[in-house]
N, C-alpha and C. Protein backbone atom coordinates (compact mmCIF):
# COMPACT_ATOMS: atom_id res chain seq x y z
N MET A 1 20.20 -1.51 15.70
CA MET A 1 19.97 -0.12 16.07
C MET A 1 18.89 -0.07 17.15
N THR A 2 19.02 0.90 18.00
CA THR A 2 18.02 1.09 19.05
C THR A 2 16.88 1.96 18.51
N PRO A 3 15.70 1.89 19.13
CA PRO A 3 14.59 2.75 18.66
C PRO A 3 14.94 4.24 18.60
N PRO A 4 15.65 4.81 19.60
CA PRO A 4 16.01 6.23 19.47
C PRO A 4 16.94 6.51 18.28
N GLN A 5 17.86 5.58 17.98
CA GLN A 5 18.74 5.76 16.83
C GLN A 5 17.94 5.73 15.53
N ILE A 6 17.00 4.81 15.47
CA ILE A 6 16.15 4.72 14.27
C ILE A 6 15.34 5.99 14.11
N GLN A 7 14.78 6.48 15.22
CA GLN A 7 13.97 7.69 15.16
C GLN A 7 14.80 8.89 14.71
N ARG A 8 16.04 9.00 15.20
CA ARG A 8 16.92 10.10 14.77
C ARG A 8 17.19 10.01 13.28
N TYR A 9 17.47 8.81 12.81
CA TYR A 9 17.74 8.61 11.40
C TYR A 9 16.51 8.96 10.55
N MET A 10 15.35 8.47 10.96
CA MET A 10 14.12 8.73 10.22
C MET A 10 13.78 10.21 10.19
N SER A 11 14.11 10.93 11.26
CA SER A 11 13.78 12.36 11.30
C SER A 11 14.61 13.15 10.29
N LYS A 12 15.69 12.59 9.81
CA LYS A 12 16.53 13.26 8.81
C LYS A 12 15.95 13.15 7.40
N ILE A 13 15.05 12.21 7.21
CA ILE A 13 14.43 12.02 5.89
C ILE A 13 13.21 12.93 5.82
N SER A 14 13.15 13.74 4.79
CA SER A 14 12.07 14.71 4.70
C SER A 14 10.72 14.05 4.43
N GLY A 15 9.67 14.68 4.95
CA GLY A 15 8.31 14.21 4.73
C GLY A 15 7.95 14.09 3.27
N PRO A 16 8.25 15.12 2.45
CA PRO A 16 7.92 15.02 1.02
C PRO A 16 8.62 13.85 0.33
N LEU A 17 9.85 13.51 0.76
CA LEU A 17 10.52 12.36 0.17
C LEU A 17 9.81 11.07 0.59
N MET A 18 9.47 10.94 1.86
CA MET A 18 8.77 9.75 2.34
C MET A 18 7.41 9.60 1.65
N ASP A 19 6.76 10.72 1.37
CA ASP A 19 5.45 10.68 0.70
C ASP A 19 5.54 10.03 -0.68
N ARG A 20 6.72 10.06 -1.29
CA ARG A 20 6.88 9.52 -2.64
C ARG A 20 7.19 8.02 -2.65
N ILE A 21 7.29 7.44 -1.48
CA ILE A 21 7.55 6.00 -1.37
C ILE A 21 6.22 5.31 -1.08
N ASP A 22 5.77 4.46 -1.99
CA ASP A 22 4.45 3.85 -1.88
C ASP A 22 4.32 2.91 -0.69
N ILE A 23 5.30 2.04 -0.52
CA ILE A 23 5.22 1.05 0.55
C ILE A 23 6.39 1.26 1.49
N GLN A 24 6.06 1.51 2.76
CA GLN A 24 7.07 1.80 3.78
C GLN A 24 6.76 0.93 4.99
N ILE A 25 7.49 -0.15 5.16
CA ILE A 25 7.22 -1.02 6.29
C ILE A 25 8.50 -1.38 7.02
N ASP A 26 8.36 -1.62 8.29
CA ASP A 26 9.46 -2.10 9.11
C ASP A 26 9.42 -3.62 9.05
N VAL A 27 10.53 -4.23 8.73
CA VAL A 27 10.58 -5.69 8.63
C VAL A 27 11.49 -6.20 9.75
N PRO A 28 10.88 -6.66 10.85
CA PRO A 28 11.69 -7.15 11.96
C PRO A 28 12.33 -8.50 11.63
N ALA A 29 13.35 -8.85 12.39
CA ALA A 29 13.99 -10.15 12.22
C ALA A 29 12.98 -11.25 12.54
N VAL A 30 13.06 -12.34 11.79
CA VAL A 30 12.15 -13.46 12.00
C VAL A 30 12.77 -14.40 13.03
N PRO A 31 12.02 -14.73 14.08
CA PRO A 31 12.55 -15.66 15.09
C PRO A 31 12.86 -17.03 14.48
N TYR A 32 13.85 -17.71 15.02
CA TYR A 32 14.29 -18.99 14.50
C TYR A 32 13.14 -19.99 14.40
N LYS A 33 12.30 -20.07 15.41
CA LYS A 33 11.21 -21.06 15.40
C LYS A 33 10.30 -20.88 14.19
N GLU A 34 10.09 -19.63 13.77
CA GLU A 34 9.27 -19.39 12.58
C GLU A 34 10.00 -19.79 11.31
N LEU A 35 11.32 -19.55 11.28
CA LEU A 35 12.10 -19.95 10.11
C LEU A 35 12.15 -21.47 9.97
N ALA A 36 12.24 -22.15 11.09
CA ALA A 36 12.36 -23.61 11.09
C ALA A 36 11.02 -24.31 10.95
N ASN A 37 9.93 -23.58 11.03
CA ASN A 37 8.60 -24.16 10.93
C ASN A 37 8.43 -24.80 9.55
N SER A 38 7.96 -26.02 9.52
CA SER A 38 7.81 -26.72 8.24
C SER A 38 6.42 -26.56 7.64
N ARG A 39 5.65 -25.65 8.18
CA ARG A 39 4.31 -25.39 7.67
C ARG A 39 4.38 -24.97 6.20
N ALA A 40 3.49 -25.50 5.41
CA ALA A 40 3.48 -25.21 3.97
C ALA A 40 3.03 -23.77 3.74
N ALA A 41 3.79 -23.06 2.93
CA ALA A 41 3.44 -21.69 2.57
C ALA A 41 2.92 -21.67 1.14
N GLU A 42 2.32 -20.57 0.76
CA GLU A 42 1.85 -20.42 -0.62
C GLU A 42 3.06 -20.52 -1.55
N SER A 43 2.92 -21.28 -2.61
CA SER A 43 4.06 -21.48 -3.52
C SER A 43 4.35 -20.21 -4.33
N SER A 44 5.59 -20.10 -4.75
CA SER A 44 5.98 -18.97 -5.58
C SER A 44 5.20 -18.96 -6.89
N GLU A 45 4.93 -20.13 -7.42
CA GLU A 45 4.18 -20.21 -8.68
C GLU A 45 2.75 -19.68 -8.51
N THR A 46 2.13 -19.99 -7.38
CA THR A 46 0.77 -19.50 -7.11
C THR A 46 0.79 -17.97 -6.98
N ILE A 47 1.77 -17.47 -6.26
CA ILE A 47 1.89 -16.02 -6.10
C ILE A 47 2.15 -15.36 -7.45
N ARG A 48 3.05 -15.94 -8.23
CA ARG A 48 3.37 -15.40 -9.55
C ARG A 48 2.12 -15.33 -10.43
N ALA A 49 1.32 -16.36 -10.42
CA ALA A 49 0.10 -16.38 -11.24
C ALA A 49 -0.85 -15.26 -10.83
N ARG A 50 -0.97 -15.02 -9.54
CA ARG A 50 -1.85 -13.95 -9.05
C ARG A 50 -1.31 -12.58 -9.47
N VAL A 51 0.01 -12.41 -9.41
CA VAL A 51 0.61 -11.13 -9.80
C VAL A 51 0.44 -10.91 -11.31
N VAL A 52 0.68 -11.94 -12.11
CA VAL A 52 0.51 -11.82 -13.56
C VAL A 52 -0.93 -11.45 -13.91
N GLU A 53 -1.88 -12.08 -13.24
CA GLU A 53 -3.28 -11.76 -13.50
C GLU A 53 -3.61 -10.32 -13.11
N ALA A 54 -3.09 -9.86 -11.97
CA ALA A 54 -3.33 -8.48 -11.55
C ALA A 54 -2.70 -7.50 -12.54
N ARG A 55 -1.50 -7.80 -13.01
CA ARG A 55 -0.85 -6.92 -13.99
C ARG A 55 -1.64 -6.88 -15.31
N ASP A 56 -2.12 -8.04 -15.74
CA ASP A 56 -2.94 -8.08 -16.96
C ASP A 56 -4.20 -7.25 -16.80
N LYS A 57 -4.81 -7.33 -15.63
CA LYS A 57 -6.02 -6.55 -15.35
C LYS A 57 -5.71 -5.05 -15.45
N GLN A 58 -4.56 -4.65 -14.92
CA GLN A 58 -4.18 -3.24 -14.97
C GLN A 58 -3.90 -2.81 -16.40
N LEU A 59 -3.24 -3.65 -17.16
CA LEU A 59 -2.98 -3.32 -18.58
C LEU A 59 -4.29 -3.11 -19.34
N ARG A 60 -5.27 -3.98 -19.10
CA ARG A 60 -6.57 -3.83 -19.76
C ARG A 60 -7.29 -2.56 -19.27
N ARG A 61 -7.22 -2.31 -17.98
CA ARG A 61 -7.90 -1.15 -17.39
C ARG A 61 -7.41 0.15 -18.00
N PHE A 62 -6.10 0.25 -18.22
CA PHE A 62 -5.51 1.51 -18.66
C PHE A 62 -5.12 1.51 -20.14
N ASP A 63 -5.61 0.55 -20.90
CA ASP A 63 -5.23 0.40 -22.30
C ASP A 63 -5.38 1.69 -23.10
N GLU A 64 -6.48 2.37 -22.92
CA GLU A 64 -6.73 3.59 -23.71
C GLU A 64 -5.99 4.81 -23.16
N ASP A 65 -5.47 4.70 -21.94
CA ASP A 65 -4.80 5.86 -21.33
C ASP A 65 -3.28 5.81 -21.47
N HIS A 66 -2.76 4.74 -22.03
CA HIS A 66 -1.33 4.59 -22.27
C HIS A 66 -0.51 4.63 -20.98
N ILE A 67 -1.08 4.09 -19.91
CA ILE A 67 -0.32 3.84 -18.70
C ILE A 67 -0.44 2.34 -18.43
N TYR A 68 0.39 1.83 -17.52
CA TYR A 68 0.49 0.38 -17.39
C TYR A 68 0.18 -0.17 -16.00
N THR A 69 0.27 0.68 -15.00
CA THR A 69 0.09 0.18 -13.63
C THR A 69 -0.72 1.16 -12.79
N ASN A 70 -1.21 0.67 -11.67
CA ASN A 70 -1.94 1.53 -10.74
C ASN A 70 -1.06 2.65 -10.22
N ALA A 71 0.22 2.39 -10.08
CA ALA A 71 1.13 3.41 -9.58
C ALA A 71 1.18 4.64 -10.48
N GLN A 72 0.86 4.48 -11.74
CA GLN A 72 0.89 5.58 -12.70
C GLN A 72 -0.42 6.36 -12.77
N MET A 73 -1.41 5.96 -12.00
CA MET A 73 -2.71 6.65 -12.07
C MET A 73 -2.58 8.11 -11.69
N GLY A 74 -3.29 8.95 -12.42
CA GLY A 74 -3.41 10.35 -12.08
C GLY A 74 -4.71 10.57 -11.32
N PRO A 75 -5.00 11.80 -10.93
CA PRO A 75 -6.22 12.09 -10.17
C PRO A 75 -7.50 11.59 -10.84
N ARG A 76 -7.59 11.72 -12.15
CA ARG A 76 -8.79 11.28 -12.88
C ARG A 76 -8.97 9.76 -12.75
N HIS A 77 -7.87 9.03 -12.87
CA HIS A 77 -7.93 7.57 -12.75
C HIS A 77 -8.29 7.15 -11.32
N ILE A 78 -7.71 7.84 -10.36
CA ILE A 78 -7.99 7.51 -8.96
C ILE A 78 -9.49 7.68 -8.68
N ARG A 79 -10.07 8.79 -9.14
CA ARG A 79 -11.51 9.01 -8.93
C ARG A 79 -12.36 7.92 -9.59
N LYS A 80 -11.91 7.46 -10.75
CA LYS A 80 -12.68 6.47 -11.50
C LYS A 80 -12.52 5.04 -10.96
N PHE A 81 -11.29 4.66 -10.57
CA PHE A 81 -11.02 3.27 -10.22
C PHE A 81 -10.84 3.01 -8.73
N CYS A 82 -10.92 4.05 -7.92
CA CYS A 82 -10.76 3.89 -6.47
C CYS A 82 -11.97 4.49 -5.75
N VAL A 83 -13.13 4.09 -6.15
CA VAL A 83 -14.37 4.60 -5.57
C VAL A 83 -14.48 4.07 -4.14
N LEU A 84 -14.75 4.99 -3.22
CA LEU A 84 -14.78 4.64 -1.79
C LEU A 84 -16.21 4.48 -1.28
N THR A 85 -16.44 3.38 -0.59
CA THR A 85 -17.70 3.17 0.11
C THR A 85 -17.67 4.02 1.38
N PRO A 86 -18.79 4.18 2.07
CA PRO A 86 -18.78 4.93 3.33
C PRO A 86 -17.76 4.36 4.35
N ASP A 87 -17.64 3.03 4.44
CA ASP A 87 -16.65 2.44 5.34
C ASP A 87 -15.22 2.80 4.92
N CYS A 88 -14.99 2.79 3.61
CA CYS A 88 -13.68 3.17 3.10
C CYS A 88 -13.38 4.64 3.37
N GLU A 89 -14.41 5.48 3.21
CA GLU A 89 -14.25 6.91 3.50
C GLU A 89 -13.81 7.12 4.95
N LYS A 90 -14.40 6.37 5.86
CA LYS A 90 -14.06 6.49 7.27
C LYS A 90 -12.61 6.11 7.53
N ILE A 91 -12.15 5.05 6.89
CA ILE A 91 -10.75 4.63 7.04
C ILE A 91 -9.82 5.72 6.54
N MET A 92 -10.13 6.28 5.38
CA MET A 92 -9.27 7.32 4.82
C MET A 92 -9.32 8.59 5.65
N GLU A 93 -10.48 8.94 6.18
CA GLU A 93 -10.57 10.11 7.05
C GLU A 93 -9.69 9.92 8.28
N ASN A 94 -9.73 8.74 8.87
CA ASN A 94 -8.87 8.45 10.03
C ASN A 94 -7.40 8.49 9.65
N ALA A 95 -7.06 7.97 8.48
CA ALA A 95 -5.67 7.97 8.04
C ALA A 95 -5.13 9.39 7.91
N VAL A 96 -5.96 10.28 7.41
CA VAL A 96 -5.53 11.67 7.23
C VAL A 96 -5.54 12.43 8.56
N THR A 97 -6.62 12.32 9.31
CA THR A 97 -6.74 13.13 10.52
C THR A 97 -5.95 12.58 11.70
N LYS A 98 -5.97 11.27 11.91
CA LYS A 98 -5.30 10.71 13.09
C LYS A 98 -3.85 10.33 12.83
N LEU A 99 -3.55 9.90 11.62
CA LEU A 99 -2.19 9.48 11.31
C LEU A 99 -1.41 10.56 10.58
N GLY A 100 -2.09 11.60 10.14
CA GLY A 100 -1.41 12.76 9.56
C GLY A 100 -0.92 12.57 8.14
N PHE A 101 -1.55 11.70 7.36
CA PHE A 101 -1.11 11.53 5.98
C PHE A 101 -1.40 12.78 5.17
N SER A 102 -0.51 13.08 4.27
CA SER A 102 -0.67 14.23 3.38
C SER A 102 -1.58 13.86 2.21
N ALA A 103 -1.86 14.85 1.36
CA ALA A 103 -2.66 14.59 0.15
C ALA A 103 -1.94 13.59 -0.75
N ARG A 104 -0.62 13.72 -0.86
CA ARG A 104 0.15 12.78 -1.67
C ARG A 104 0.09 11.39 -1.05
N GLY A 105 0.21 11.30 0.28
CA GLY A 105 0.11 10.03 0.97
C GLY A 105 -1.26 9.39 0.78
N TYR A 106 -2.29 10.21 0.79
CA TYR A 106 -3.67 9.75 0.55
C TYR A 106 -3.76 9.08 -0.81
N ASP A 107 -3.24 9.75 -1.84
CA ASP A 107 -3.28 9.18 -3.18
C ASP A 107 -2.47 7.88 -3.26
N ARG A 108 -1.33 7.85 -2.60
CA ARG A 108 -0.49 6.64 -2.62
C ARG A 108 -1.23 5.47 -1.97
N ILE A 109 -1.91 5.74 -0.89
CA ILE A 109 -2.68 4.69 -0.21
C ILE A 109 -3.74 4.14 -1.15
N LEU A 110 -4.45 5.02 -1.85
CA LEU A 110 -5.49 4.56 -2.77
C LEU A 110 -4.91 3.71 -3.90
N LYS A 111 -3.76 4.10 -4.42
CA LYS A 111 -3.14 3.32 -5.50
C LYS A 111 -2.71 1.94 -5.01
N VAL A 112 -2.13 1.89 -3.83
CA VAL A 112 -1.72 0.60 -3.27
C VAL A 112 -2.94 -0.25 -2.95
N ALA A 113 -3.99 0.37 -2.41
CA ALA A 113 -5.23 -0.37 -2.11
C ALA A 113 -5.83 -0.94 -3.40
N ARG A 114 -5.78 -0.18 -4.48
CA ARG A 114 -6.29 -0.69 -5.77
C ARG A 114 -5.49 -1.92 -6.19
N THR A 115 -4.18 -1.90 -5.96
CA THR A 115 -3.33 -3.05 -6.30
C THR A 115 -3.65 -4.24 -5.40
N VAL A 116 -3.86 -4.00 -4.12
CA VAL A 116 -4.23 -5.07 -3.20
C VAL A 116 -5.54 -5.72 -3.66
N ALA A 117 -6.50 -4.88 -4.05
CA ALA A 117 -7.78 -5.40 -4.55
C ALA A 117 -7.57 -6.21 -5.83
N ASP A 118 -6.71 -5.72 -6.72
CA ASP A 118 -6.43 -6.44 -7.96
C ASP A 118 -5.80 -7.81 -7.66
N LEU A 119 -4.88 -7.86 -6.72
CA LEU A 119 -4.24 -9.13 -6.37
C LEU A 119 -5.24 -10.13 -5.79
N GLU A 120 -6.27 -9.60 -5.15
CA GLU A 120 -7.32 -10.46 -4.60
C GLU A 120 -8.38 -10.81 -5.64
N GLY A 121 -8.35 -10.11 -6.76
CA GLY A 121 -9.35 -10.35 -7.80
C GLY A 121 -10.64 -9.59 -7.57
N SER A 122 -10.60 -8.56 -6.77
CA SER A 122 -11.79 -7.77 -6.44
C SER A 122 -11.93 -6.58 -7.39
N GLU A 123 -13.12 -6.41 -7.93
CA GLU A 123 -13.39 -5.28 -8.82
C GLU A 123 -13.47 -3.96 -8.05
N ASN A 124 -13.99 -4.01 -6.83
CA ASN A 124 -14.20 -2.80 -6.04
C ASN A 124 -13.27 -2.75 -4.84
N LEU A 125 -12.91 -1.54 -4.46
CA LEU A 125 -12.12 -1.37 -3.23
C LEU A 125 -13.00 -1.69 -2.03
N GLN A 126 -12.44 -2.41 -1.10
CA GLN A 126 -13.13 -2.73 0.13
C GLN A 126 -12.31 -2.19 1.29
N SER A 127 -12.94 -2.10 2.45
CA SER A 127 -12.25 -1.55 3.61
C SER A 127 -10.99 -2.35 3.95
N LYS A 128 -11.01 -3.66 3.75
CA LYS A 128 -9.82 -4.47 4.06
C LYS A 128 -8.65 -4.11 3.14
N HIS A 129 -8.93 -3.72 1.90
CA HIS A 129 -7.87 -3.32 0.99
C HIS A 129 -7.24 -2.00 1.45
N LEU A 130 -8.09 -1.06 1.85
CA LEU A 130 -7.56 0.23 2.33
C LEU A 130 -6.81 0.05 3.64
N SER A 131 -7.34 -0.75 4.53
CA SER A 131 -6.67 -0.99 5.82
C SER A 131 -5.29 -1.58 5.59
N GLU A 132 -5.18 -2.51 4.67
CA GLU A 132 -3.88 -3.11 4.37
C GLU A 132 -2.93 -2.06 3.79
N ALA A 133 -3.43 -1.24 2.88
CA ALA A 133 -2.60 -0.20 2.26
C ALA A 133 -2.11 0.81 3.30
N VAL A 134 -2.98 1.16 4.24
CA VAL A 134 -2.56 2.09 5.31
C VAL A 134 -1.43 1.46 6.13
N GLN A 135 -1.53 0.16 6.39
CA GLN A 135 -0.49 -0.53 7.16
C GLN A 135 0.86 -0.52 6.45
N TYR A 136 0.84 -0.38 5.14
CA TYR A 136 2.09 -0.34 4.38
C TYR A 136 2.76 1.03 4.44
N ARG A 137 2.20 1.94 5.23
CA ARG A 137 2.79 3.28 5.39
C ARG A 137 3.32 3.47 6.81
N THR A 138 3.79 2.42 7.45
CA THR A 138 4.20 2.51 8.85
C THR A 138 5.41 3.39 9.10
N LEU A 139 6.17 3.69 8.09
CA LEU A 139 7.35 4.54 8.29
C LEU A 139 7.06 6.01 8.00
N ASP A 140 5.80 6.31 7.67
CA ASP A 140 5.45 7.69 7.38
C ASP A 140 5.85 8.58 8.55
N ARG A 141 6.28 9.76 8.26
CA ARG A 141 6.91 10.64 9.27
C ARG A 141 6.09 10.86 10.53
N ASN A 142 4.78 11.00 10.42
CA ASN A 142 3.99 11.31 11.60
C ASN A 142 3.80 10.12 12.53
N LEU A 143 4.09 8.93 12.07
CA LEU A 143 3.99 7.76 12.93
C LEU A 143 5.20 7.64 13.85
N TRP A 144 6.25 8.41 13.57
CA TRP A 144 7.48 8.34 14.36
C TRP A 144 7.54 9.44 15.41
N ILE A 145 6.60 10.33 15.41
CA ILE A 145 6.63 11.46 16.35
C ILE A 145 6.15 11.01 17.71
């Protein structure tokens, strides 16, 4: 598909629907040279162990609230477990004002950032976690205008 065709298609999807999708990324085709590269990548077992540990951390975090994942956090949980440093506040302000994220998009970014931090084993949200989470919203409607 050409970029104008993609843009026409994306414009048909409503903003509120896109807001409900946590991770929205464009995945371009991988060039052959990268596919053929014999460089060692992180093993599936290593990745699996990190994911299992992050999931266990979330289960412990929400044990008393009867929820199981960061994606299920409500506003009270977000305020408690997604505390923003001044640097993080600046990233989120830019995400809302310059990229046009909605309040729902803001919450989704925080939940994904909390998961990124959990996968890294970090107790606190850092600017790199929020920056990564913002990057996972590349298909958000205002980025296509």
